[in-house]
Amino acid sequence: MERTTDIGLLIRECNILLDRFFNELSLTYDVRGGTQGRVIRFLYRHRQEDIFQKNLEKCFSVRSSTMTSIIAALS
């Protein structure tokens, strides 16, 4: 019998493992969540550029209200 692999399940498993990893890192650096850490990392890597909230929304595929909450939590 041939074993088939469901790519969707593998992607979900990878996503869960990455979320756990980022959440552990966020505790280490006293950032409240993995997304906040990723936003900080993005801002650091692009520190020589003008970054606007719209840039962050597009990069992280989130709505305006969600990014507003993330930014508010960082300040």
C-alpha atoms as a PDB file:
ATOM      1  CA  MET A   1       0.000   0.000   0.000  1.00  0.00           C
ATOM      2  CA  GLU A   2       1.406   3.402  -0.995  1.00  0.00           C
ATOM      3  CA  ARG A   3       1.412   6.106   1.638  1.00  0.00           C
ATOM      4  CA  THR A   4       0.211   9.503   0.494  1.00  0.00           C
ATOM      5  CA  THR A   5       1.247  12.726   2.149  1.00  0.00           C
ATOM      6  CA  ASP A   6      -1.228  15.512   2.691  1.00  0.00           C
ATOM      7  CA  ILE A   7       0.696  18.734   2.061  1.00  0.00           C
ATOM      8  CA  GLY A   8      -1.930  20.742   3.923  1.00  0.00           C
ATOM      9  CA  LEU A   9      -1.315  18.792   7.129  1.00  0.00           C
ATOM     10  CA  LEU A  10       2.446  19.228   6.777  1.00  0.00           C
ATOM     11  CA  ILE A  11       2.079  22.980   6.309  1.00  0.00           C
ATOM     12  CA  ARG A  12      -0.198  23.181   9.349  1.00  0.00           C
ATOM     13  CA  GLU A  13       2.295  21.214  11.451  1.00  0.00           C
ATOM     14  CA  CYS A  14       5.126  23.522  10.359  1.00  0.00           C
ATOM     15  CA  ASN A  15       3.001  26.548  11.188  1.00  0.00           C
ATOM     16  CA  ILE A  16       2.276  25.240  14.681  1.00  0.00           C
ATOM     17  CA  LEU A  17       5.962  24.514  15.304  1.00  0.00           C
ATOM     18  CA  LEU A  18       6.983  27.971  14.088  1.00  0.00           C
ATOM     19  CA  ASP A  19       4.336  29.622  16.284  1.00  0.00           C
ATOM     20  CA  ARG A  20       5.664  27.746  19.309  1.00  0.00           C
ATOM     21  CA  PHE A  21       9.225  28.767  18.462  1.00  0.00           C
ATOM     22  CA  PHE A  22       8.323  32.463  18.070  1.00  0.00           C
ATOM     23  CA  ASN A  23       6.273  32.393  21.271  1.00  0.00           C
ATOM     24  CA  GLU A  24       9.242  30.992  23.205  1.00  0.00           C
ATOM     25  CA  LEU A  25      11.471  33.717  21.763  1.00  0.00           C
ATOM     26  CA  SER A  26       8.920  36.362  22.662  1.00  0.00           C
ATOM     27  CA  LEU A  27       9.054  35.283  26.304  1.00  0.00           C
ATOM     28  CA  THR A  28      12.846  35.481  26.256  1.00  0.00           C
ATOM     29  CA  TYR A  29      12.819  39.086  25.004  1.00  0.00           C
ATOM     30  CA  ASP A  30       9.732  40.232  26.923  1.00  0.00           C
ATOM     31  CA  VAL A  31       7.612  40.771  23.825  1.00  0.00           C
ATOM     32  CA  ARG A  32       3.965  39.875  24.362  1.00  0.00           C
ATOM     33  CA  GLY A  33       3.467  37.805  21.234  1.00  0.00           C
ATOM     34  CA  GLY A  34       5.103  36.271  18.244  1.00  0.00           C
ATOM     35  CA  THR A  35       3.574  38.750  15.827  1.00  0.00           C
ATOM     36  CA  GLN A  36       4.948  41.683  17.790  1.00  0.00           C
ATOM     37  CA  GLY A  37       8.385  40.136  17.601  1.00  0.00           C
ATOM     38  CA  ARG A  38       8.092  39.668  13.859  1.00  0.00           C
ATOM     39  CA  VAL A  39       7.004  43.296  13.433  1.00  0.00           C
ATOM     40  CA  ILE A  40       9.971  44.482  15.499  1.00  0.00           C
ATOM     41  CA  ARG A  41      12.296  42.320  13.412  1.00  0.00           C
ATOM     42  CA  PHE A  42      10.820  43.722  10.189  1.00  0.00           C
ATOM     43  CA  LEU A  43      11.218  47.286  11.427  1.00  0.00           C
ATOM     44  CA  TYR A  44      14.802  46.618  12.477  1.00  0.00           C
ATOM     45  CA  ARG A  45      15.736  45.079   9.147  1.00  0.00           C
ATOM     46  CA  HIS A  46      14.204  48.015   7.285  1.00  0.00           C
ATOM     47  CA  ARG A  47      15.358  50.722   9.685  1.00  0.00           C
ATOM     48  CA  GLN A  48      16.970  52.732   6.865  1.00  0.00           C
ATOM     49  CA  GLU A  49      13.634  52.965   5.013  1.00  0.00           C
ATOM     50  CA  ASP A  50      10.434  54.876   5.628  1.00  0.00           C
ATOM     51  CA  ILE A  51       7.914  52.273   6.828  1.00  0.00           C
ATOM     52  CA  PHE A  52       4.249  53.107   7.117  1.00  0.00           C
ATOM     53  CA  GLN A  53       1.433  51.139   8.698  1.00  0.00           C
ATOM     54  CA  LYS A  54       0.129  50.217   5.238  1.00  0.00           C
ATOM     55  CA  ASN A  55       3.514  48.581   4.497  1.00  0.00           C
ATOM     56  CA  LEU A  56       3.200  46.458   7.636  1.00  0.00           C
ATOM     57  CA  GLU A  57      -0.404  45.514   6.875  1.00  0.00           C
ATOM     58  CA  LYS A  58       0.570  44.293   3.422  1.00  0.00           C
ATOM     59  CA  CYS A  59       3.695  42.468   4.593  1.00  0.00           C
ATOM     60  CA  PHE A  60       1.903  40.621   7.409  1.00  0.00           C
ATOM     61  CA  SER A  61      -1.420  40.215   5.574  1.00  0.00           C
ATOM     62  CA  VAL A  62      -3.476  41.740   8.365  1.00  0.00           C
ATOM     63  CA  ARG A  63      -6.241  44.291   8.511  1.00  0.00           C
ATOM     64  CA  SER A  64      -5.686  47.893   9.486  1.00  0.00           C
ATOM     65  CA  SER A  65      -7.358  47.434  12.872  1.00  0.00           C
ATOM     66  CA  THR A  66      -5.163  44.441  13.671  1.00  0.00           C
ATOM     67  CA  MET A  67      -1.960  46.320  12.856  1.00  0.00           C
ATOM     68  CA  THR A  68      -3.172  49.309  14.864  1.00  0.00           C
ATOM     69  CA  SER A  69      -3.553  47.004  17.892  1.00  0.00           C
ATOM     70  CA  ILE A  70      -0.102  45.505  17.382  1.00  0.00           C
ATOM     71  CA  ILE A  71       1.509  48.939  17.083  1.00  0.00           C
ATOM     72  CA  ALA A  72      -0.365  50.210  20.135  1.00  0.00           C
ATOM     73  CA  ALA A  73       0.861  47.245  22.163  1.00  0.00           C
ATOM     74  CA  LEU A  74       4.456  48.011  21.185  1.00  0.00           C
ATOM     75  CA  SER A  75       4.328  51.606  22.393  1.00  0.00           C
END
